[in-house]
Amino acid sequence: MAHTQSITQAQSARDASESPADANGSRADVAESSAAASTDPVLSLSGVTKEFGPETAVDGVSLDVKPGELLTFLGPSGCGKTTTLRAIAGLEEPTEGQITIGGETVSGDGAFVPPEQRDVGIVFQNFALFPHLTVRENIAFGLDDGADANGGRVDEMLDLVDLPEHGGKTPDQLSGGQKQRVALARSLAPEPDVLLLDEPFSNLDVRLRVEMREEVRQILKEAGVTAVSVTHDQEEAMSISDRVAVMNEGHIEQVGRPEAVFERPESKFVASFLGRASFLEGRLRDEQVETGIGRFDAVTLEGYDSVYDGAPVDVLVRPDDLRATPASPKLADGIIVSRQYVGPSFVYRVELESGDTVHCLHNHVEEFGLNQPVTVELTADHPLAWYPR
């Protein structure tokens, strides 16, 4: 059991009440999320399970999504996130459990509402635009009778996604980012209760992917739509989401604000999946923890309790928590075995004499050689997550 499960109720309540700002630090999102917290959920999953023969793809997932919230299922390939999304859309029928959308049971208790009768919009990773239709016709396709007689709703959507001059173009005349915005506009046009986004940025190049994250979040917040996305990209999930649900082997390991999940991971899996995580083997003794880089006060550990005194633990450290300093072989803690240059910085991988391997983040001007003996210092200015072994 992770130590973070013993964090005080006051901390947990604070996490639940706080809401992130958008990429521009908008306070509007904070107000929206606070208001949403007091209303009934738009989407509810209760004990949702999906089996494919002997394999369980989704295992007892329960979750509520509030009005106007953007929640992301995050996890590695095969963790069940896409199957969960397909179950919400009605493209898969759960083996067990219940799904409600807008207060209506769409799956479970003997009911199964087909996809076309659910008030759900879907943005696919390949955009799925009709190549023979114009942008306006693509957006109008999902409206009543396949068209918007007065064009008012289409014009509104074109303005929302900042493409008012592109309505007469066909998809092959658009850039990747423009195609994504058209797909978004088409899904939003019928005003669905819930918008589902399936790996929405995976077909874009790296530069455009980063740019579109901010644009898509801004569009969704302006539209006031409740959205659920899936991705394996942790940076994407952290940057666009109000809450993140980390999935592993069909179940949710942890759900919460991106900051809370990253800073206080409740399991070693979550810690390892978010950020470049390393673990120092240690032992708690006399209110200190002994590790391969020395001893430090146990109060450095998040939620430390003296009841664990004498216990072996794993302490989570990330590259920005540590600093390496060249040293003589006699005084060194370990040696640099690899380095990664990422432009503004170097990330050095250090094998410690204790057998642990850690990563240290340094400014790009601090260039050390391979096999360089170093001492490693803990420089973290925040409590560290830890896990009893």
Protein backbone atom coordinates (compact mmCIF):
# COMPACT_ATOMS: atom_id res chain seq x y z
CA MET A 1 0.00 0.00 0.00
CA ALA A 2 1.34 3.41 -0.88
CA HIS A 3 2.06 5.80 1.95
CA THR A 4 0.00 8.51 0.27
CA GLN A 5 -3.17 6.69 1.27
CA SER A 6 -2.38 7.90 4.80
CA ILE A 7 -2.27 11.57 3.83
CA THR A 8 -4.60 13.60 5.99
CA GLN A 9 -8.23 14.10 5.06
CA ALA A 10 -7.58 17.82 4.98
CA GLN A 11 -5.10 17.36 2.13
CA SER A 12 -7.53 15.14 0.23
CA ALA A 13 -10.32 17.65 0.65
CA ARG A 14 -8.05 20.39 -0.61
CA ASP A 15 -7.19 18.36 -3.72
CA ALA A 16 -10.85 17.76 -4.45
CA SER A 17 -11.74 21.42 -4.15
CA GLU A 18 -8.86 22.90 -6.13
CA SER A 19 -9.11 23.20 -9.90
CA PRO A 20 -6.36 23.85 -12.46
CA ALA A 21 -6.13 26.89 -14.65
CA ASP A 22 -5.80 26.37 -18.37
CA ALA A 23 -2.52 26.65 -20.24
CA ASN A 24 -2.79 30.44 -20.01
CA GLY A 25 -3.59 30.43 -16.30
CA SER A 26 -7.26 31.35 -16.87
CA ARG A 27 -9.27 31.87 -13.70
CA ALA A 28 -12.45 31.12 -15.61
CA ASP A 29 -11.65 27.40 -15.51
CA VAL A 30 -11.28 27.55 -11.74
CA ALA A 31 -14.71 29.13 -11.35
CA GLU A 32 -16.23 26.63 -13.83
CA SER A 33 -14.81 23.63 -12.02
CA SER A 34 -15.87 24.94 -8.60
CA ALA A 35 -19.43 25.44 -9.84
CA ALA A 36 -19.43 21.98 -11.45
CA ALA A 37 -18.38 20.35 -8.18
CA SER A 38 -21.80 21.06 -6.67
CA THR A 39 -23.88 19.64 -9.55
CA ASP A 40 -24.88 16.16 -10.61
CA PRO A 41 -22.47 14.32 -12.93
CA VAL A 42 -23.12 14.33 -16.67
CA LEU A 43 -21.45 10.93 -17.02
CA SER A 44 -21.32 8.12 -14.45
CA LEU A 45 -19.61 4.74 -14.66
CA SER A 46 -20.37 2.22 -11.92
CA GLY A 47 -18.49 -1.08 -11.77
CA VAL A 48 -18.02 -1.16 -15.54
CA THR A 49 -16.35 -4.39 -16.67
CA LYS A 50 -15.67 -5.63 -20.19
CA GLU A 51 -14.47 -9.15 -20.91
CA PHE A 52 -13.33 -10.57 -24.22
CA GLY A 53 -13.45 -14.31 -23.66
CA PRO A 54 -11.00 -15.12 -20.85
CA GLU A 55 -9.44 -11.63 -21.00
CA THR A 56 -10.71 -8.77 -18.83
CA ALA A 57 -10.04 -5.50 -20.65
CA VAL A 58 -11.87 -3.25 -18.17
CA ASP A 59 -12.20 -4.30 -14.56
CA GLY A 60 -14.79 -2.61 -12.33
CA VAL A 61 -14.26 1.01 -13.39
CA SER A 62 -16.32 3.55 -11.40
CA LEU A 63 -16.11 7.27 -12.09
CA ASP A 64 -18.22 10.45 -12.25
CA VAL A 65 -17.57 13.33 -14.66
CA LYS A 66 -19.03 16.73 -13.78
CA PRO A 67 -20.54 19.29 -16.18
CA GLY A 68 -17.90 21.19 -18.13
CA GLU A 69 -15.10 18.94 -16.89
CA LEU A 70 -12.34 17.60 -19.12
CA LEU A 71 -11.22 14.20 -17.83
CA THR A 72 -8.51 12.10 -19.44
CA PHE A 73 -7.98 8.34 -19.17
CA LEU A 74 -4.20 7.93 -19.21
CA GLY A 75 -2.23 4.72 -19.39
CA PRO A 76 -0.04 2.42 -21.49
CA SER A 77 -1.28 0.44 -24.48
CA GLY A 78 -3.60 -2.36 -23.44
CA CYS A 79 -4.57 -0.83 -20.10
CA GLY A 80 -8.28 -0.62 -20.99
CA LYS A 81 -8.65 3.12 -21.58
CA THR A 82 -9.85 2.87 -25.19
CA THR A 83 -12.25 0.03 -24.36
CA THR A 84 -13.69 2.22 -21.60
CA LEU A 85 -14.18 5.07 -24.08
CA ARG A 86 -15.85 2.71 -26.56
CA ALA A 87 -18.19 1.48 -23.82
CA ILE A 88 -19.22 5.09 -23.08
CA ALA A 89 -19.85 5.65 -26.79
CA GLY A 90 -21.89 2.46 -27.09
CA LEU A 91 -19.42 0.81 -29.45
CA GLU A 92 -18.83 -1.93 -26.85
CA GLU A 93 -21.42 -3.38 -24.48
CA PRO A 94 -20.04 -3.87 -20.96
CA THR A 95 -20.14 -7.35 -19.49
CA GLU A 96 -21.12 -5.85 -16.14
CA GLY A 97 -21.78 -2.46 -14.61
CA GLN A 98 -23.81 0.61 -15.44
CA ILE A 99 -23.24 3.76 -17.51
CA THR A 100 -25.46 6.83 -17.30
CA ILE A 101 -25.28 9.92 -19.53
CA GLY A 102 -27.27 13.02 -18.69
CA GLY A 103 -29.16 11.07 -16.03
CA GLU A 104 -30.24 8.33 -18.47
CA THR A 105 -29.00 4.76 -18.11
CA VAL A 106 -27.48 3.87 -21.46
CA SER A 107 -25.94 0.57 -20.38
CA GLY A 108 -26.76 -1.79 -17.51
CA ASP A 109 -29.88 -2.84 -15.62
CA GLY A 110 -31.11 -4.56 -18.77
CA ALA A 111 -30.70 -1.45 -20.93
CA PHE A 112 -28.38 -0.85 -23.85
CA VAL A 113 -28.84 2.31 -25.90
CA PRO A 114 -27.13 2.08 -29.33
CA PRO A 115 -24.42 4.63 -30.21
CA GLU A 116 -26.57 6.70 -32.58
CA GLN A 117 -29.16 7.24 -29.84
CA ARG A 118 -26.69 8.40 -27.21
CA ASP A 119 -26.12 12.12 -26.82
CA VAL A 120 -22.39 11.69 -27.40
CA GLY A 121 -19.97 13.24 -29.87
CA ILE A 122 -16.73 11.52 -30.91
CA VAL A 123 -13.49 12.96 -32.30
CA PHE A 124 -11.45 10.13 -33.81
CA GLN A 125 -7.67 10.17 -34.03
CA ASN A 126 -7.76 10.18 -37.84
CA PHE A 127 -10.43 12.96 -37.80
CA ALA A 128 -12.77 10.88 -40.07
CA LEU A 129 -13.79 13.85 -42.24
CA PHE A 130 -15.71 13.20 -45.44
CA PRO A 131 -13.25 14.03 -48.24
CA HIS A 132 -15.96 14.84 -50.82
CA LEU A 133 -17.74 17.35 -48.56
CA THR A 134 -16.75 20.93 -47.80
CA VAL A 135 -15.88 22.09 -44.32
CA ARG A 136 -19.39 23.54 -43.91
CA GLU A 137 -20.99 20.30 -45.12
CA ASN A 138 -18.83 18.23 -42.77
CA ILE A 139 -19.88 20.35 -39.80
CA ALA A 140 -23.56 20.28 -40.83
CA PHE A 141 -23.57 16.51 -41.31
CA GLY A 142 -24.39 15.69 -37.70
CA LEU A 143 -27.22 18.20 -37.43
CA ASP A 144 -30.91 17.36 -37.89
CA ASP A 145 -31.66 16.24 -41.47
CA GLY A 146 -27.92 16.30 -42.19
CA ALA A 147 -27.92 20.04 -42.78
CA ASP A 148 -28.33 23.36 -41.05
CA ALA A 149 -30.96 25.14 -43.16
CA ASN A 150 -30.02 28.64 -42.08
CA GLY A 151 -26.34 27.97 -41.61
CA GLY A 152 -26.41 29.69 -38.23
CA ARG A 153 -25.09 26.75 -36.22
CA VAL A 154 -22.38 26.04 -38.80
CA ASP A 155 -21.28 29.68 -38.74
CA GLU A 156 -21.20 29.55 -34.95
CA MET A 157 -18.99 26.46 -35.02
CA LEU A 158 -16.68 27.95 -37.66
CA ASP A 159 -16.22 30.99 -35.45
CA LEU A 160 -15.64 28.81 -32.39
CA VAL A 161 -12.77 26.92 -34.05
CA ASP A 162 -11.46 30.08 -35.76
CA LEU A 163 -12.06 28.88 -39.34
CA PRO A 164 -14.71 31.34 -40.63
CA GLU A 165 -12.93 31.77 -43.98
CA HIS A 166 -12.48 28.06 -44.67
CA GLY A 167 -16.08 26.84 -44.92
CA GLY A 168 -15.94 26.26 -48.68
CA LYS A 169 -12.73 24.22 -48.65
CA THR A 170 -12.47 20.44 -48.74
CA PRO A 171 -10.41 18.51 -46.17
CA ASP A 172 -7.50 17.99 -48.58
CA GLN A 173 -7.02 21.77 -48.65
CA LEU A 174 -6.53 21.96 -44.89
CA SER A 175 -3.54 21.51 -42.60
CA GLY A 176 -3.52 18.82 -39.91
CA GLY A 177 -4.44 21.32 -37.22
CA GLN A 178 -7.29 22.73 -39.30
CA LYS A 179 -8.66 19.24 -39.95
CA GLN A 180 -8.66 18.58 -36.21
CA ARG A 181 -10.59 21.78 -35.55
CA VAL A 182 -13.16 20.86 -38.20
CA ALA A 183 -13.58 17.41 -36.63
CA LEU A 184 -14.04 19.11 -33.27
CA ALA A 185 -16.61 21.55 -34.70
CA ARG A 186 -18.57 18.71 -36.33
CA SER A 187 -18.74 16.80 -33.05
CA LEU A 188 -19.75 19.89 -31.07
CA ALA A 189 -22.40 21.11 -33.54
CA PRO A 190 -25.24 18.85 -32.22
CA GLU A 191 -24.45 20.00 -28.64
CA PRO A 192 -23.76 16.53 -27.17
CA ASP A 193 -23.97 15.85 -23.45
CA VAL A 194 -20.48 14.34 -23.61
CA LEU A 195 -17.66 14.72 -26.14
CA LEU A 196 -15.24 11.78 -26.47
CA LEU A 197 -11.74 12.28 -27.85
CA ASP A 198 -9.80 9.20 -28.95
CA GLU A 199 -6.04 9.96 -28.93
CA PRO A 200 -6.91 13.33 -30.51
CA PHE A 201 -3.34 14.52 -31.14
CA SER A 202 -1.63 11.30 -32.23
CA ASN A 203 -1.73 12.10 -35.98
CA LEU A 204 -0.09 15.51 -35.60
CA ASP A 205 3.62 16.30 -35.66
CA VAL A 206 5.29 17.18 -32.36
CA ARG A 207 5.24 20.96 -32.80
CA LEU A 208 1.62 21.06 -33.89
CA ARG A 209 0.62 18.60 -31.19
CA VAL A 210 1.78 20.97 -28.45
CA GLU A 211 0.08 23.94 -30.11
CA MET A 212 -3.22 22.10 -30.59
CA ARG A 213 -3.44 20.96 -26.97
CA GLU A 214 -3.88 24.54 -25.86
CA GLU A 215 -6.28 25.35 -28.70
CA VAL A 216 -8.49 22.30 -28.10
CA ARG A 217 -8.72 22.95 -24.37
CA GLN A 218 -9.64 26.58 -25.02
CA ILE A 219 -12.34 25.55 -27.53
CA LEU A 220 -13.84 22.97 -25.18
CA LYS A 221 -13.92 25.41 -22.28
CA GLU A 222 -15.49 28.12 -24.44
CA ALA A 223 -18.14 25.64 -25.61
CA GLY A 224 -18.75 24.52 -22.01
CA VAL A 225 -18.85 20.90 -23.08
CA THR A 226 -18.15 17.90 -20.82
CA ALA A 227 -15.31 15.93 -22.42
CA VAL A 228 -13.52 12.62 -21.89
CA SER A 229 -10.30 11.84 -23.72
CA VAL A 230 -7.89 8.91 -23.82
CA THR A 231 -4.14 9.05 -24.36
CA HIS A 232 -0.90 7.30 -23.49
CA ASP A 233 0.94 10.65 -23.60
CA GLN A 234 1.42 11.89 -20.03
CA GLU A 235 2.41 15.41 -21.09
CA GLU A 236 -0.75 15.69 -23.16
CA ALA A 237 -2.95 14.47 -20.31
CA MET A 238 -1.33 16.79 -17.79
CA SER A 239 -1.59 19.86 -20.00
CA ILE A 240 -5.24 19.67 -21.09
CA SER A 241 -7.09 17.91 -18.27
CA ASP A 242 -9.04 19.06 -15.23
CA ARG A 243 -8.62 15.55 -13.86
CA VAL A 244 -6.58 12.53 -14.91
CA ALA A 245 -7.57 8.89 -14.36
CA VAL A 246 -4.47 6.68 -14.58
CA MET A 247 -5.36 3.16 -15.74
CA ASN A 248 -3.41 -0.06 -15.41
CA GLU A 249 -4.50 -3.57 -16.35
CA GLY A 250 -8.14 -2.59 -16.71
CA HIS A 251 -8.66 -0.63 -13.51
CA ILE A 252 -8.12 2.93 -12.31
CA GLU A 253 -5.01 3.23 -10.15
CA GLN A 254 -5.60 6.88 -9.25
CA VAL A 255 -7.79 9.78 -10.30
CA GLY A 256 -7.32 13.45 -9.44
CA ARG A 257 -6.02 16.80 -10.55
CA PRO A 258 -2.87 16.48 -12.69
CA GLU A 259 -0.77 18.22 -10.02
CA ALA A 260 -2.02 15.95 -7.25
CA VAL A 261 -1.52 12.75 -9.23
CA PHE A 262 2.00 13.74 -10.27
CA GLU A 263 3.12 15.04 -6.88
CA ARG A 264 1.40 12.42 -4.71
CA PRO A 265 1.20 9.17 -6.71
CA GLU A 266 -0.62 6.49 -4.75
CA SER A 267 1.25 3.54 -6.26
CA LYS A 268 4.65 2.79 -7.73
CA PHE A 269 2.96 2.22 -11.08
CA VAL A 270 1.53 5.75 -11.15
CA ALA A 271 4.84 7.18 -9.97
CA SER A 272 6.73 5.29 -12.69
CA PHE A 273 4.29 6.17 -15.46
CA LEU A 274 4.27 9.91 -14.74
CA GLY A 275 7.66 11.48 -15.26
CA ARG A 276 11.08 9.89 -15.26
CA ALA A 277 10.89 8.15 -11.90
CA SER A 278 13.70 6.52 -9.94
CA PHE A 279 13.47 4.78 -6.57
CA LEU A 280 16.00 4.82 -3.77
CA GLU A 281 15.93 1.75 -1.59
CA GLY A 282 16.02 2.88 2.01
CA ARG A 283 15.24 2.00 5.57
CA LEU A 284 13.49 4.12 8.17
CA ARG A 285 15.42 4.29 11.41
CA ASP A 286 15.25 6.80 14.29
CA GLU A 287 13.18 9.26 12.24
CA GLN A 288 15.69 9.20 9.42
CA VAL A 289 15.83 7.31 6.16
CA GLU A 290 19.06 5.64 5.10
CA THR A 291 19.62 5.49 1.32
CA GLY A 292 22.37 4.97 -1.22
CA ILE A 293 23.00 8.72 -1.32
CA GLY A 294 23.12 9.19 2.46
CA ARG A 295 20.76 9.77 5.37
CA PHE A 296 18.11 12.45 5.60
CA ASP A 297 15.27 13.32 7.92
CA ALA A 298 12.16 11.19 7.57
CA VAL A 299 10.02 14.34 7.68
CA THR A 300 11.18 14.79 4.08
CA LEU A 301 8.79 11.93 3.25
CA GLU A 302 5.16 12.75 2.45
CA GLY A 303 2.86 11.55 5.24
CA TYR A 304 5.65 10.00 7.32
CA ASP A 305 4.52 8.23 10.49
CA SER A 306 6.83 6.78 13.14
CA VAL A 307 4.83 3.53 12.98
CA TYR A 308 6.96 2.69 9.93
CA ASP A 309 10.23 2.94 11.88
CA GLY A 310 12.50 0.06 10.90
CA ALA A 311 10.64 -0.64 7.66
CA PRO A 312 12.34 -0.95 4.26
CA VAL A 313 10.99 1.63 1.80
CA ASP A 314 11.34 2.86 -1.77
CA VAL A 315 11.65 6.64 -2.07
CA LEU A 316 10.52 8.29 -5.32
CA VAL A 317 13.01 10.76 -6.79
CA ARG A 318 12.80 12.50 -10.16
CA PRO A 319 15.67 14.13 -12.08
CA ASP A 320 14.97 17.63 -10.72
CA ASP A 321 15.17 16.27 -7.16
CA LEU A 322 18.84 15.31 -7.47
CA ARG A 323 22.17 16.88 -8.35
CA ALA A 324 25.40 15.13 -9.31
CA THR A 325 28.85 16.52 -8.48
CA PRO A 326 32.16 15.12 -9.82
CA ALA A 327 34.14 13.41 -7.08
CA SER A 328 37.13 11.18 -6.55
CA PRO A 329 36.42 7.44 -6.81
CA LYS A 330 36.93 7.04 -3.05
CA LEU A 331 34.28 9.63 -2.18
CA ALA A 332 31.82 9.01 -5.02
CA ASP A 333 28.33 7.51 -4.61
CA GLY A 334 28.38 6.09 -8.15
CA ILE A 335 29.28 6.74 -11.79
CA ILE A 336 27.54 8.31 -14.78
CA VAL A 337 26.55 5.52 -17.16
CA SER A 338 24.59 7.52 -19.75
CA ARG A 339 23.50 11.03 -20.56
CA GLN A 340 20.71 12.54 -22.61
CA TYR A 341 21.00 16.01 -24.13
CA VAL A 342 17.58 17.66 -24.46
CA GLY A 343 18.61 21.18 -25.46
CA PRO A 344 18.19 23.28 -22.32
CA SER A 345 19.50 20.51 -20.09
CA PHE A 346 21.31 17.21 -19.65
CA VAL A 347 19.75 14.23 -17.91
CA TYR A 348 22.45 11.99 -16.44
CA ARG A 349 21.81 8.39 -15.43
CA VAL A 350 23.89 7.41 -12.41
CA GLU A 351 24.47 3.90 -11.15
CA LEU A 352 24.94 4.08 -7.39
CA GLU A 353 27.21 1.80 -5.41
CA SER A 354 24.08 0.70 -3.55
CA GLY A 355 22.76 -0.83 -6.78
CA ASP A 356 20.08 1.81 -7.38
CA THR A 357 19.94 3.81 -10.59
CA VAL A 358 18.85 7.46 -10.52
CA HIS A 359 18.60 10.37 -12.97
CA CYS A 360 19.96 13.87 -12.35
CA LEU A 361 18.86 17.01 -14.23
CA HIS A 362 21.50 19.65 -14.99
CA ASN A 363 21.76 22.85 -16.99
CA HIS A 364 23.10 22.29 -20.52
CA VAL A 365 26.40 23.97 -19.63
CA GLU A 366 27.14 21.36 -16.94
CA GLU A 367 28.60 18.65 -19.14
CA PHE A 368 30.01 15.55 -17.46
CA GLY A 369 31.64 12.58 -19.16
CA LEU A 370 30.60 8.96 -19.15
CA ASN A 371 32.08 6.86 -16.34
CA GLN A 372 32.61 10.05 -14.33
CA PRO A 373 32.53 9.28 -10.57
CA VAL A 374 30.02 11.54 -8.82
CA THR A 375 28.36 12.18 -5.51
CA VAL A 376 24.59 12.60 -5.66
CA GLU A 377 22.81 15.11 -3.46
CA LEU A 378 19.10 15.34 -2.70
CA THR A 379 17.99 18.89 -3.58
CA ALA A 380 14.19 18.46 -3.56
CA ASP A 381 12.31 21.31 -1.89
CA HIS A 382 9.07 19.32 -1.54
CA PRO A 383 7.94 16.19 0.34
CA LEU A 384 8.88 12.94 -1.39
CA ALA A 385 6.48 10.10 -2.16
CA TRP A 386 7.51 6.72 -0.73
CA TYR A 387 6.31 3.14 -0.63
CA PRO A 388 6.85 0.44 2.03
CA ARG A 389 8.48 -2.69 0.62
